Amino acid sequence: MISLFQIYQRDGENGFRAEHLIRYPNDEDYYPHTEVYRSDIDEAREWIKEQMKDENLKHTYERIQLANEAMASFYSNENRSKYDYNE
């Protein structure tokens, strides 16, 4: 997975948005993971610095992997066969 961090300001807003986007292997698009709003650009930079620490990125990727495994298990044919959706 690839992480992209960015800071931007929307029209009419005084504050700044810091965003963490993730791109999965073999995918062309980045998908939003987290976003925060900070009133000061330095606060937005500090948030990104904290998110970019190896430990935080590791935990983020672990949570994503766990969620992907849980979704795959939930939607597996073996699990689906346990339920009769025509009732």
PDB file of N, CA and C in Angstrom:
ATOM      1  N   MET A   1       0.835  -1.174   0.000  1.00  0.00           N
ATOM      2  CA  MET A   1       0.000   0.000   0.000  1.00  0.00           C
ATOM      3  C   MET A   1       0.879   1.236   0.000  1.00  0.00           C
ATOM      4  N   ILE A   2       0.366   2.261  -0.597  1.00  0.00           N
ATOM      5  CA  ILE A   2       1.093   3.527  -0.673  1.00  0.00           C
ATOM      6  C   ILE A   2       0.246   4.587   0.009  1.00  0.00           C
ATOM      7  N   SER A   3       0.890   5.395   0.839  1.00  0.00           N
ATOM      8  CA  SER A   3       0.212   6.498   1.515  1.00  0.00           C
ATOM      9  C   SER A   3       0.555   7.823   0.851  1.00  0.00           C
ATOM     10  N   LEU A   4      -0.417   8.682   0.774  1.00  0.00           N
ATOM     11  CA  LEU A   4      -0.234  10.035   0.280  1.00  0.00           C
ATOM     12  C   LEU A   4      -0.842  10.972   1.314  1.00  0.00           C
ATOM     13  N   PHE A   5      -0.079  11.950   1.740  1.00  0.00           N
ATOM     14  CA  PHE A   5      -0.576  12.947   2.677  1.00  0.00           C
ATOM     15  C   PHE A   5      -0.619  14.290   1.970  1.00  0.00           C
ATOM     16  N   GLN A   6      -1.676  15.048   2.231  1.00  0.00           N
ATOM     17  CA  GLN A   6      -1.770  16.366   1.614  1.00  0.00           C
ATOM     18  C   GLN A   6      -2.499  17.331   2.540  1.00  0.00           C
ATOM     19  N   ILE A   7      -2.171  18.593   2.369  1.00  0.00           N
ATOM     20  CA  ILE A   7      -2.845  19.675   3.083  1.00  0.00           C
ATOM     21  C   ILE A   7      -3.460  20.583   2.032  1.00  0.00           C
ATOM     22  N   TYR A   8      -4.707  20.940   2.235  1.00  0.00           N
ATOM     23  CA  TYR A   8      -5.352  21.847   1.283  1.00  0.00           C
ATOM     24  C   TYR A   8      -6.351  22.726   2.022  1.00  0.00           C
ATOM     25  N   GLN A   9      -6.795  23.745   1.312  1.00  0.00           N
ATOM     26  CA  GLN A   9      -7.757  24.685   1.871  1.00  0.00           C
ATOM     27  C   GLN A   9      -8.884  24.847   0.861  1.00  0.00           C
ATOM     28  N   ARG A  10     -10.109  24.667   1.321  1.00  0.00           N
ATOM     29  CA  ARG A  10     -11.266  24.836   0.448  1.00  0.00           C
ATOM     30  C   ARG A  10     -11.632  26.319   0.363  1.00  0.00           C
ATOM     31  N   ASP A  11     -12.260  26.674  -0.734  1.00  0.00           N
ATOM     32  CA  ASP A  11     -12.718  28.062  -0.898  1.00  0.00           C
ATOM     33  C   ASP A  11     -13.649  28.448   0.245  1.00  0.00           C
ATOM     34  N   GLY A  12     -13.423  29.600   0.810  1.00  0.00           N
ATOM     35  CA  GLY A  12     -14.283  30.103   1.870  1.00  0.00           C
ATOM     36  C   GLY A  12     -13.949  29.582   3.260  1.00  0.00           C
ATOM     37  N   GLU A  13     -12.986  28.700   3.389  1.00  0.00           N
ATOM     38  CA  GLU A  13     -12.592  28.185   4.698  1.00  0.00           C
ATOM     39  C   GLU A  13     -11.337  28.904   5.174  1.00  0.00           C
ATOM     40  N   ASN A  14     -11.285  29.144   6.457  1.00  0.00           N
ATOM     41  CA  ASN A  14     -10.104  29.781   7.039  1.00  0.00           C
ATOM     42  C   ASN A  14      -9.066  28.757   7.469  1.00  0.00           C
ATOM     43  N   GLY A  15      -9.514  27.542   7.723  1.00  0.00           N
ATOM     44  CA  GLY A  15      -8.624  26.497   8.210  1.00  0.00           C
ATOM     45  C   GLY A  15      -8.088  25.630   7.091  1.00  0.00           C
ATOM     46  N   PHE A  16      -7.388  24.593   7.498  1.00  0.00           N
ATOM     47  CA  PHE A  16      -6.730  23.704   6.555  1.00  0.00           C
ATOM     48  C   PHE A  16      -7.174  22.262   6.800  1.00  0.00           C
ATOM     49  N   ARG A  17      -7.289  21.520   5.733  1.00  0.00           N
ATOM     50  CA  ARG A  17      -7.622  20.104   5.821  1.00  0.00           C
ATOM     51  C   ARG A  17      -6.364  19.296   5.534  1.00  0.00           C
ATOM     52  N   ALA A  18      -6.094  18.355   6.414  1.00  0.00           N
ATOM     53  CA  ALA A  18      -4.979  17.425   6.229  1.00  0.00           C
ATOM     54  C   ALA A  18      -5.602  16.064   5.956  1.00  0.00           C
ATOM     55  N   GLU A  19      -5.099  15.401   4.946  1.00  0.00           N
ATOM     56  CA  GLU A  19      -5.739  14.178   4.495  1.00  0.00           C
ATOM     57  C   GLU A  19      -4.700  13.074   4.301  1.00  0.00           C
ATOM     58  N   HIS A  20      -5.103  11.860   4.674  1.00  0.00           N
ATOM     59  CA  HIS A  20      -4.290  10.663   4.452  1.00  0.00           C
ATOM     60  C   HIS A  20      -5.039   9.805   3.454  1.00  0.00           C
ATOM     61  N   LEU A  21      -4.435   9.621   2.285  1.00  0.00           N
ATOM     62  CA  LEU A  21      -5.020   8.801   1.230  1.00  0.00           C
ATOM     63  C   LEU A  21      -4.184   7.538   1.074  1.00  0.00           C
ATOM     64  N   ILE A  22      -4.821   6.456   0.664  1.00  0.00           N
ATOM     65  CA  ILE A  22      -4.125   5.181   0.501  1.00  0.00           C
ATOM     66  C   ILE A  22      -4.406   4.631  -0.889  1.00  0.00           C
ATOM     67  N   ARG A  23      -3.355   4.119  -1.514  1.00  0.00           N
ATOM     68  CA  ARG A  23      -3.496   3.434  -2.806  1.00  0.00           C
ATOM     69  C   ARG A  23      -3.089   1.984  -2.605  1.00  0.00           C
ATOM     70  N   TYR A  24      -3.949   1.086  -3.049  1.00  0.00           N
ATOM     71  CA  TYR A  24      -3.697  -0.341  -2.915  1.00  0.00           C
ATOM     72  C   TYR A  24      -2.859  -0.835  -4.097  1.00  0.00           C
ATOM     73  N   PRO A  25      -2.132  -1.932  -3.915  1.00  0.00           N
ATOM     74  CA  PRO A  25      -1.360  -2.491  -5.027  1.00  0.00           C
ATOM     75  C   PRO A  25      -2.259  -2.782  -6.230  1.00  0.00           C
ATOM     76  N   ASN A  26      -1.738  -2.584  -7.401  1.00  0.00           N
ATOM     77  CA  ASN A  26      -2.459  -2.828  -8.656  1.00  0.00           C
ATOM     78  C   ASN A  26      -3.691  -1.951  -8.820  1.00  0.00           C
ATOM     79  N   ASP A  27      -3.726  -0.827  -8.134  1.00  0.00           N
ATOM     80  CA  ASP A  27      -4.843   0.103  -8.249  1.00  0.00           C
ATOM     81  C   ASP A  27      -4.271   1.450  -8.682  1.00  0.00           C
ATOM     82  N   GLU A  28      -5.041   2.205  -9.441  1.00  0.00           N
ATOM     83  CA  GLU A  28      -4.557   3.484  -9.935  1.00  0.00           C
ATOM     84  C   GLU A  28      -5.004   4.655  -9.072  1.00  0.00           C
ATOM     85  N   ASP A  29      -6.049   4.465  -8.293  1.00  0.00           N
ATOM     86  CA  ASP A  29      -6.640   5.565  -7.536  1.00  0.00           C
ATOM     87  C   ASP A  29      -6.251   5.518  -6.068  1.00  0.00           C
ATOM     88  N   TYR A  30      -6.204   6.703  -5.475  1.00  0.00           N
ATOM     89  CA  TYR A  30      -6.022   6.835  -4.027  1.00  0.00           C
ATOM     90  C   TYR A  30      -7.401   6.958  -3.389  1.00  0.00           C
ATOM     91  N   TYR A  31      -7.556   6.343  -2.214  1.00  0.00           N
ATOM     92  CA  TYR A  31      -8.826   6.391  -1.498  1.00  0.00           C
ATOM     93  C   TYR A  31      -8.623   7.058  -0.149  1.00  0.00           C
ATOM     94  N   PRO A  32      -9.575   7.902   0.272  1.00  0.00           N
ATOM     95  CA  PRO A  32      -9.438   8.586   1.565  1.00  0.00           C
ATOM     96  C   PRO A  32      -9.399   7.591   2.719  1.00  0.00           C
ATOM     97  N   HIS A  33      -8.503   7.826   3.635  1.00  0.00           N
ATOM     98  CA  HIS A  33      -8.436   7.021   4.855  1.00  0.00           C
ATOM     99  C   HIS A  33      -8.870   7.879   6.041  1.00  0.00           C
ATOM    100  N   THR A  34      -8.214   9.006   6.246  1.00  0.00           N
ATOM    101  CA  THR A  34      -8.608   9.928   7.314  1.00  0.00           C
ATOM    102  C   THR A  34      -8.407  11.354   6.844  1.00  0.00           C
ATOM    103  N   GLU A  35      -9.167  12.240   7.453  1.00  0.00           N
ATOM    104  CA  GLU A  35      -9.054  13.663   7.153  1.00  0.00           C
ATOM    105  C   GLU A  35      -9.356  14.435   8.426  1.00  0.00           C
ATOM    106  N   VAL A  36      -8.591  15.486   8.670  1.00  0.00           N
ATOM    107  CA  VAL A  36      -8.843  16.349   9.825  1.00  0.00           C
ATOM    108  C   VAL A  36      -8.873  17.794   9.359  1.00  0.00           C
ATOM    109  N   TYR A  37      -9.529  18.620  10.149  1.00  0.00           N
ATOM    110  CA  TYR A  37      -9.592  20.056   9.896  1.00  0.00           C
ATOM    111  C   TYR A  37      -8.833  20.757  11.009  1.00  0.00           C
ATOM    112  N   ARG A  38      -7.889  21.577  10.653  1.00  0.00           N
ATOM    113  CA  ARG A  38      -7.104  22.330  11.626  1.00  0.00           C
ATOM    114  C   ARG A  38      -7.153  23.804  11.264  1.00  0.00           C
ATOM    115  N   SER A  39      -7.208  24.651  12.281  1.00  0.00           N
ATOM    116  CA  SER A  39      -7.307  26.087  12.038  1.00  0.00           C
ATOM    117  C   SER A  39      -5.981  26.707  11.622  1.00  0.00           C
ATOM    118  N   ASP A  40      -4.889  26.026  11.893  1.00  0.00           N
ATOM    119  CA  ASP A  40      -3.560  26.559  11.608  1.00  0.00           C
ATOM    120  C   ASP A  40      -2.787  25.553  10.747  1.00  0.00           C
ATOM    121  N   ILE A  41      -2.054  26.034   9.772  1.00  0.00           N
ATOM    122  CA  ILE A  41      -1.318  25.132   8.883  1.00  0.00           C
ATOM    123  C   ILE A  41      -0.250  24.357   9.646  1.00  0.00           C
ATOM    124  N   ASP A  42       0.336  24.954  10.674  1.00  0.00           N
ATOM    125  CA  ASP A  42       1.340  24.242  11.463  1.00  0.00           C
ATOM    126  C   ASP A  42       0.721  23.066  12.210  1.00  0.00           C
ATOM    127  N   GLU A  43      -0.511  23.223  12.681  1.00  0.00           N
ATOM    128  CA  GLU A  43      -1.210  22.118  13.331  1.00  0.00           C
ATOM    129  C   GLU A  43      -1.488  20.995  12.331  1.00  0.00           C
ATOM    130  N   ALA A  44      -1.832  21.363  11.111  1.00  0.00           N
ATOM    131  CA  ALA A  44      -2.069  20.360  10.071  1.00  0.00           C
ATOM    132  C   ALA A  44      -0.769  19.615   9.752  1.00  0.00           C
ATOM    133  N   ARG A  45       0.330  20.339   9.687  1.00  0.00           N
ATOM    134  CA  ARG A  45       1.630  19.696   9.441  1.00  0.00           C
ATOM    135  C   ARG A  45       1.999  18.755  10.577  1.00  0.00           C
ATOM    136  N   GLU A  46       1.741  19.148  11.801  1.00  0.00           N
ATOM    137  CA  GLU A  46       2.039  18.287  12.955  1.00  0.00           C
ATOM    138  C   GLU A  46       1.204  17.013  12.911  1.00  0.00           C
ATOM    139  N   TRP A  47      -0.057  17.128  12.516  1.00  0.00           N
ATOM    140  CA  TRP A  47      -0.905  15.945  12.410  1.00  0.00           C
ATOM    141  C   TRP A  47      -0.322  14.980  11.390  1.00  0.00           C
ATOM    142  N   ILE A  48       0.108  15.510  10.251  1.00  0.00           N
ATOM    143  CA  ILE A  48       0.689  14.653   9.213  1.00  0.00           C
ATOM    144  C   ILE A  48       1.975  14.013   9.702  1.00  0.00           C
ATOM    145  N   LYS A  49       2.817  14.778  10.379  1.00  0.00           N
ATOM    146  CA  LYS A  49       4.060  14.207  10.911  1.00  0.00           C
ATOM    147  C   LYS A  49       3.774  13.049  11.854  1.00  0.00           C
ATOM    148  N   GLU A  50       2.752  13.207  12.683  1.00  0.00           N
ATOM    149  CA  GLU A  50       2.375  12.146  13.625  1.00  0.00           C
ATOM    150  C   GLU A  50       1.865  10.923  12.867  1.00  0.00           C
ATOM    151  N   GLN A  51       1.053  11.142  11.849  1.00  0.00           N
ATOM    152  CA  GLN A  51       0.500  10.026  11.082  1.00  0.00           C
ATOM    153  C   GLN A  51       1.572   9.298  10.280  1.00  0.00           C
ATOM    154  N   MET A  52       2.624   9.995   9.904  1.00  0.00           N
ATOM    155  CA  MET A  52       3.678   9.414   9.069  1.00  0.00           C
ATOM    156  C   MET A  52       4.701   8.602   9.859  1.00  0.00           C
ATOM    157  N   LYS A  53       4.614   8.612  11.156  1.00  0.00           N
ATOM    158  CA  LYS A  53       5.546   7.815  11.955  1.00  0.00           C
ATOM    159  C   LYS A  53       5.360   6.340  11.613  1.00  0.00           C
ATOM    160  N   ASP A  54       6.476   5.629  11.573  1.00  0.00           N
ATOM    161  CA  ASP A  54       6.443   4.214  11.186  1.00  0.00           C
ATOM    162  C   ASP A  54       5.442   3.409  11.996  1.00  0.00           C
ATOM    163  N   GLU A  55       5.400   3.663  13.301  1.00  0.00           N
ATOM    164  CA  GLU A  55       4.492   2.905  14.171  1.00  0.00           C
ATOM    165  C   GLU A  55       3.030   3.148  13.784  1.00  0.00           C
ATOM    166  N   ASN A  56       2.673   4.401  13.513  1.00  0.00           N
ATOM    167  CA  ASN A  56       1.292   4.708  13.140  1.00  0.00           C
ATOM    168  C   ASN A  56       0.935   4.125  11.784  1.00  0.00           C
ATOM    169  N   LEU A  57       1.849   4.201  10.823  1.00  0.00           N
ATOM    170  CA  LEU A  57       1.579   3.611   9.511  1.00  0.00           C
ATOM    171  C   LEU A  57       1.429   2.103   9.615  1.00  0.00           C
ATOM    172  N   LYS A  58       2.263   1.488  10.433  1.00  0.00           N
ATOM    173  CA  LYS A  58       2.178   0.039  10.626  1.00  0.00           C
ATOM    174  C   LYS A  58       0.812  -0.350  11.186  1.00  0.00           C
ATOM    175  N   HIS A  59       0.350   0.378  12.204  1.00  0.00           N
ATOM    176  CA  HIS A  59      -0.961   0.085  12.801  1.00  0.00           C
ATOM    177  C   HIS A  59      -2.092   0.332  11.802  1.00  0.00           C
ATOM    178  N   THR A  60      -1.959   1.374  11.002  1.00  0.00           N
ATOM    179  CA  THR A  60      -2.970   1.662   9.987  1.00  0.00           C
ATOM    180  C   THR A  60      -3.075   0.510   8.999  1.00  0.00           C
ATOM    181  N   TYR A  61      -1.932   0.055   8.483  1.00  0.00           N
ATOM    182  CA  TYR A  61      -1.945  -1.030   7.508  1.00  0.00           C
ATOM    183  C   TYR A  61      -2.430  -2.332   8.134  1.00  0.00           C
ATOM    184  N   GLU A  62      -2.093  -2.572   9.399  1.00  0.00           N
ATOM    185  CA  GLU A  62      -2.593  -3.774  10.077  1.00  0.00           C
ATOM    186  C   GLU A  62      -4.112  -3.743  10.199  1.00  0.00           C
ATOM    187  N   ARG A  63      -4.667  -2.588  10.567  1.00  0.00           N
ATOM    188  CA  ARG A  63      -6.123  -2.464  10.680  1.00  0.00           C
ATOM    189  C   ARG A  63      -6.799  -2.668   9.332  1.00  0.00           C
ATOM    190  N   ILE A  64      -6.199  -2.137   8.278  1.00  0.00           N
ATOM    191  CA  ILE A  64      -6.780  -2.311   6.949  1.00  0.00           C
ATOM    192  C   ILE A  64      -6.749  -3.780   6.551  1.00  0.00           C
ATOM    193  N   GLN A  65      -5.644  -4.452   6.814  1.00  0.00           N
ATOM    194  CA  GLN A  65      -5.538  -5.878   6.492  1.00  0.00           C
ATOM    195  C   GLN A  65      -6.575  -6.689   7.264  1.00  0.00           C
ATOM    196  N   LEU A  66      -6.730  -6.396   8.557  1.00  0.00           N
ATOM    197  CA  LEU A  66      -7.733  -7.103   9.357  1.00  0.00           C
ATOM    198  C   LEU A  66      -9.141  -6.871   8.815  1.00  0.00           C
ATOM    199  N   ALA A  67      -9.427  -5.644   8.444  1.00  0.00           N
ATOM    200  CA  ALA A  67     -10.748  -5.333   7.896  1.00  0.00           C
ATOM    201  C   ALA A  67     -10.967  -6.056   6.572  1.00  0.00           C
ATOM    202  N   ASN A  68      -9.952  -6.078   5.723  1.00  0.00           N
ATOM    203  CA  ASN A  68     -10.071  -6.787   4.443  1.00  0.00           C
ATOM    204  C   ASN A  68     -10.286  -8.281   4.648  1.00  0.00           C
ATOM    205  N   GLU A  69      -9.558  -8.866   5.595  1.00  0.00           N
ATOM    206  CA  GLU A  69      -9.726 -10.293   5.893  1.00  0.00           C
ATOM    207  C   GLU A  69     -11.118 -10.575   6.445  1.00  0.00           C
ATOM    208  N   ALA A  70     -11.597  -9.696   7.319  1.00  0.00           N
ATOM    209  CA  ALA A  70     -12.933  -9.889   7.892  1.00  0.00           C
ATOM    210  C   ALA A  70     -14.006  -9.793   6.809  1.00  0.00           C
ATOM    211  N   MET A  71     -13.868  -8.838   5.904  1.00  0.00           N
ATOM    212  CA  MET A  71     -14.848  -8.688   4.832  1.00  0.00           C
ATOM    213  C   MET A  71     -14.800  -9.885   3.882  1.00  0.00           C
ATOM    214  N   ALA A  72     -13.603 -10.363   3.577  1.00  0.00           N
ATOM    215  CA  ALA A  72     -13.475 -11.531   2.697  1.00  0.00           C
ATOM    216  C   ALA A  72     -14.108 -12.751   3.347  1.00  0.00           C
ATOM    217  N   SER A  73     -13.902 -12.916   4.640  1.00  0.00           N
ATOM    218  CA  SER A  73     -14.489 -14.050   5.360  1.00  0.00           C
ATOM    219  C   SER A  73     -16.009 -13.929   5.391  1.00  0.00           C
ATOM    220  N   PHE A  74     -16.500 -12.729   5.668  1.00  0.00           N
ATOM    221  CA  PHE A  74     -17.940 -12.500   5.757  1.00  0.00           C
ATOM    222  C   PHE A  74     -18.633 -12.795   4.431  1.00  0.00           C
ATOM    223  N   TYR A  75     -18.022 -12.360   3.329  1.00  0.00           N
ATOM    224  CA  TYR A  75     -18.638 -12.529   2.017  1.00  0.00           C
ATOM    225  C   TYR A  75     -18.203 -13.807   1.301  1.00  0.00           C
ATOM    226  N   SER A  76     -17.495 -14.680   1.982  1.00  0.00           N
ATOM    227  CA  SER A  76     -17.047 -15.925   1.341  1.00  0.00           C
ATOM    228  C   SER A  76     -18.242 -16.816   1.023  1.00  0.00           C
ATOM    229  N   ASN A  77     -18.064 -17.663   0.021  1.00  0.00           N
ATOM    230  CA  ASN A  77     -19.140 -18.593  -0.352  1.00  0.00           C
ATOM    231  C   ASN A  77     -19.473 -19.529   0.797  1.00  0.00           C
ATOM    232  N   GLU A  78     -18.471 -19.930   1.564  1.00  0.00           N
ATOM    233  CA  GLU A  78     -18.701 -20.822   2.698  1.00  0.00           C
ATOM    234  C   GLU A  78     -19.619 -20.155   3.725  1.00  0.00           C
ATOM    235  N   ASN A  79     -19.379 -18.898   4.010  1.00  0.00           N
ATOM    236  CA  ASN A  79     -20.203 -18.182   4.983  1.00  0.00           C
ATOM    237  C   ASN A  79     -21.589 -17.898   4.414  1.00  0.00           C
ATOM    238  N   ARG A  80     -21.663 -17.557   3.143  1.00  0.00           N
ATOM    239  CA  ARG A  80     -22.955 -17.256   2.533  1.00  0.00           C
ATOM    240  C   ARG A  80     -23.860 -18.479   2.499  1.00  0.00           C
ATOM    241  N   SER A  81     -23.261 -19.659   2.379  1.00  0.00           N
ATOM    242  CA  SER A  81     -24.074 -20.870   2.301  1.00  0.00           C
ATOM    243  C   SER A  81     -24.761 -21.177   3.632  1.00  0.00           C
ATOM    244  N   LYS A  82     -24.352 -20.542   4.694  1.00  0.00           N
ATOM    245  CA  LYS A  82     -24.969 -20.778   6.010  1.00  0.00           C
ATOM    246  C   LYS A  82     -26.326 -20.077   6.129  1.00  0.00           C
ATOM    247  N   TYR A  83     -26.599 -19.144   5.230  1.00  0.00           N
ATOM    248  CA  TYR A  83     -27.807 -18.344   5.340  1.00  0.00           C
ATOM    249  C   TYR A  83     -28.678 -18.553   4.109  1.00  0.00           C
ATOM    250  N   ASP A  84     -29.958 -18.627   4.349  1.00  0.00           N
ATOM    251  CA  ASP A  84     -30.901 -18.725   3.235  1.00  0.00           C
ATOM    252  C   ASP A  84     -31.521 -17.346   3.050  1.00  0.00           C
ATOM    253  N   TYR A  85     -31.105 -16.664   2.004  1.00  0.00           N
ATOM    254  CA  TYR A  85     -31.567 -15.295   1.783  1.00  0.00           C
ATOM    255  C   TYR A  85     -32.962 -15.226   1.168  1.00  0.00           C
ATOM    256  N   ASN A  86     -33.532 -16.363   0.848  1.00  0.00           N
ATOM    257  CA  ASN A  86     -34.849 -16.368   0.232  1.00  0.00           C
ATOM    258  C   ASN A  86     -35.975 -16.529   1.230  1.00  0.00           C
ATOM    259  N   GLU A  87     -35.675 -16.501   2.493  1.00  0.00           N
ATOM    260  CA  GLU A  87     -36.726 -16.679   3.506  1.00  0.00           C
ATOM    261  C   GLU A  87     -37.567 -15.438   3.651  1.00  0.00           C
TER     262      GLU A  87
END
